[in-house]
Protein backbone atom coordinates (compact mmCIF):
# COMPACT_ATOMS: atom_id res chain seq x y z
CA UNK A 1 -15.29 -12.37 -8.54
CA UNK A 2 -16.22 -10.88 -5.21
CA UNK A 3 -13.95 -8.38 -3.56
CA UNK A 4 -14.09 -9.09 0.23
CA UNK A 5 -13.72 -6.46 2.88
CA UNK A 6 -13.71 -7.09 6.84
CA UNK A 7 -13.42 -4.07 9.43
CA UNK A 8 -11.72 -5.31 12.73
CA UNK A 9 -11.79 -3.50 15.92
CA UNK A 10 -11.27 -5.14 19.57
CA UNK A 11 -14.61 -6.55 20.42
CA UNK A 12 -16.55 -6.18 17.25
CA UNK A 13 -19.53 -4.56 18.98
CA UNK A 14 -18.51 -0.65 18.54
CA UNK A 15 -16.43 0.65 15.87
CA UNK A 16 -16.11 -2.30 13.45
CA UNK A 17 -19.83 -2.85 13.21
CA UNK A 18 -20.54 0.92 12.54
CA UNK A 19 -17.85 0.77 9.97
CA UNK A 20 -19.42 -2.29 8.33
CA UNK A 21 -22.78 -0.71 8.35
CA UNK A 22 -21.78 2.46 7.01
CA UNK A 23 -19.44 0.99 4.29
CA UNK A 24 -22.14 -1.45 3.14
CA UNK A 25 -24.41 1.54 2.60
CA UNK A 26 -21.71 3.34 0.40
CA UNK A 27 -21.45 -0.06 -1.53
CA UNK A 28 -25.03 -0.39 -2.29
CA UNK A 29 -25.43 3.48 -3.15
CA UNK A 30 -22.46 2.96 -5.64
CA UNK A 31 -24.02 -0.04 -7.19
CA UNK A 32 -21.34 -2.44 -6.18
CA UNK A 33 -23.20 -4.63 -3.79
CA UNK A 34 -23.01 -7.59 -6.38
CA UNK A 35 -19.36 -7.12 -6.61
CA UNK A 36 -18.11 -6.03 -2.85
CA UNK A 37 -19.06 -7.96 0.23
CA UNK A 38 -18.57 -6.42 3.53
CA UNK A 39 -18.18 -7.74 7.04
CA UNK A 40 -16.72 -7.33 10.71
CA UNK A 41 -14.84 -8.85 13.27
CA UNK A 42 -12.88 -8.40 16.40
CA UNK A 43 -9.40 -9.12 17.35
CA UNK A 44 -10.79 -10.58 20.73
CA UNK A 45 -13.56 -12.91 21.40
CA UNK A 46 -15.01 -11.33 24.51
CA UNK A 47 -18.44 -10.46 22.85
CA UNK A 48 -18.73 -13.39 20.32
CA UNK A 49 -22.55 -13.98 19.54
CA UNK A 50 -23.47 -10.53 21.06
CA UNK A 51 -25.23 -7.81 19.34
CA UNK A 52 -23.59 -4.56 18.62
CA UNK A 53 -23.48 -1.99 21.73
CA UNK A 54 -26.95 -0.36 21.91
CA UNK A 55 -25.12 3.16 21.69
CA UNK A 56 -23.80 2.10 18.19
CA UNK A 57 -27.02 0.73 17.14
CA UNK A 58 -28.78 3.94 18.19
CA UNK A 59 -26.25 6.18 16.62
CA UNK A 60 -26.52 4.11 13.24
CA UNK A 61 -30.47 3.95 13.20
CA UNK A 62 -30.62 7.70 13.82
CA UNK A 63 -28.24 8.47 10.99
CA UNK A 64 -30.31 5.96 8.61
CA UNK A 65 -27.94 2.76 8.78
CA UNK A 66 -28.83 -0.73 9.11
CA UNK A 67 -27.71 -2.06 12.67
CA UNK A 68 -28.16 -5.71 12.48
CA UNK A 69 -24.89 -7.20 13.70
CA UNK A 70 -23.63 -10.52 15.71
CA UNK A 71 -19.83 -10.04 17.10
CA UNK A 72 -17.44 -12.56 15.82
CA UNK A 73 -13.65 -12.98 16.33
CA UNK A 74 -11.23 -12.58 13.53
CA UNK A 75 -9.53 -15.92 12.46
CA UNK A 76 -5.98 -16.07 10.60
CA UNK A 77 -7.68 -18.53 8.09
CA UNK A 78 -9.77 -15.61 6.77
CA UNK A 79 -6.74 -13.86 5.01
CA UNK A 80 -7.34 -16.37 2.41
CA UNK A 81 -10.62 -15.11 1.45
CA UNK A 82 -10.46 -11.46 1.93
CA UNK A 83 -8.92 -8.90 -0.18
CA UNK A 84 -8.85 -6.12 2.35
CA UNK A 85 -8.83 -5.90 5.98
CA UNK A 86 -9.50 -2.75 7.67
CA UNK A 87 -8.06 -1.85 11.04
CA UNK A 88 -9.75 0.91 13.26
CA UNK A 89 -6.71 1.65 15.05
CA UNK A 90 -2.96 1.04 15.17
CA UNK A 91 -3.23 -1.68 17.86
CA UNK A 92 -5.49 -3.63 15.53
CA UNK A 93 -3.27 -2.98 12.81
CA UNK A 94 -0.40 -4.45 14.54
CA UNK A 95 -2.38 -7.43 16.09
CA UNK A 96 -3.68 -8.42 12.38
CA UNK A 97 -0.41 -8.04 10.66
CA UNK A 98 1.07 -10.48 13.30
CA UNK A 99 -1.81 -13.10 12.78
CA UNK A 100 -1.14 -12.72 9.07
CA UNK A 101 0.11 -16.33 7.89
CA UNK A 102 2.14 -14.71 5.06
CA UNK A 103 3.70 -11.15 4.22
CA UNK A 104 1.04 -10.85 1.32
CA UNK A 105 -1.67 -11.21 3.81
CA UNK A 106 -0.23 -8.60 6.21
CA UNK A 107 -0.06 -6.37 3.05
CA UNK A 108 -3.99 -6.70 3.11
CA UNK A 109 -4.26 -4.76 6.28
CA UNK A 110 -4.80 -1.02 6.30
CA UNK A 111 -6.05 1.44 8.68
CA UNK A 112 -9.68 3.04 7.91
CA UNK A 113 -8.56 6.53 8.40
CA UNK A 114 -5.70 6.31 6.29
CA UNK A 115 -8.57 6.66 3.52
CA UNK A 116 -9.69 10.23 4.70
CA UNK A 117 -7.31 12.91 3.56
CA UNK A 118 -8.61 14.96 6.32
CA UNK A 119 -7.42 12.97 9.04
CA UNK A 120 -4.06 14.38 9.51
CA UNK A 121 -1.52 12.37 11.51
CA UNK A 122 -3.91 10.76 14.04
CA UNK A 123 -5.47 7.59 12.19
CA UNK A 124 -7.04 5.97 14.96
CA UNK A 125 -10.58 5.91 15.63
CA UNK A 126 -10.81 6.18 19.33
CA UNK A 127 -12.95 3.49 21.24
CA UNK A 128 -16.15 4.95 22.18
CA UNK A 129 -17.05 1.99 24.63
CA UNK A 130 -15.98 3.42 28.05
CA UNK A 131 -17.54 6.99 27.17
CA UNK A 132 -20.93 8.43 26.50
CA UNK A 133 -22.97 8.74 23.36
CA UNK A 134 -20.72 11.62 22.07
CA UNK A 135 -17.79 9.22 21.39
CA UNK A 136 -20.10 7.02 19.20
CA UNK A 137 -21.23 9.98 17.31
CA UNK A 138 -17.50 11.05 16.75
CA UNK A 139 -16.87 7.34 15.70
CA UNK A 140 -19.57 7.39 13.12
CA UNK A 141 -18.17 10.77 11.81
CA UNK A 142 -14.86 9.39 11.32
CA UNK A 143 -16.10 6.36 9.78
CA UNK A 144 -18.15 8.20 7.10
CA UNK A 145 -15.32 10.53 6.46
CA UNK A 146 -13.04 7.74 5.36
CA UNK A 147 -15.70 5.86 3.65
CA UNK A 148 -15.67 8.13 0.61
CA UNK A 149 -11.74 7.41 -0.01
CA UNK A 150 -12.21 3.52 0.89
CA UNK A 151 -15.04 3.30 -1.76
CA UNK A 152 -12.86 5.05 -4.21
CA UNK A 153 -9.93 2.62 -3.67
CA UNK A 154 -12.37 -0.52 -3.56
CA UNK A 155 -13.82 0.69 -6.87
CA UNK A 156 -10.30 0.92 -8.43
CA UNK A 157 -9.59 -2.81 -7.12
CA UNK A 158 -13.03 -3.89 -8.46
CA UNK A 159 -12.81 -2.48 -11.96
CA UNK A 160 -12.91 -5.20 -14.57
CA UNK A 161 -13.83 -7.96 -11.89
CA UNK A 162 -17.17 -10.01 -12.79
CA UNK A 163 -19.67 -10.26 -10.05
């Protein structure tokens, strides 16, 4: 049985596609690509159908990650097929929990940086959209730092599942 993870930010062109790309690479490295499915979406549909922000693509590619992406908006009906919904900041966390059809679905929503023991109390990944390239580099660093703990949590959830 496939374990499905969806990363969510606002427009699905910066933070969540970066998280999707990094985590997908971690899943493949761990040999879980037949067991774990990774995608992303946005809480708003402003950029639906667009590719990822060119700055996000550049940072991903410079660091050896795949960057193909098409933005889409998160739909509440997706909760039924998802095992984990990973919000990139507290605003997304709250929006997603409000969208959740059931309390069990709301419980599937977690903050990405909650998986990074070094994150401290600030669990938001800042939106790099209105800044320069440095913001995208910082975003990637935060995503990479949290991905190790997230992979550990997902691996624990997938133990014993058939692909």
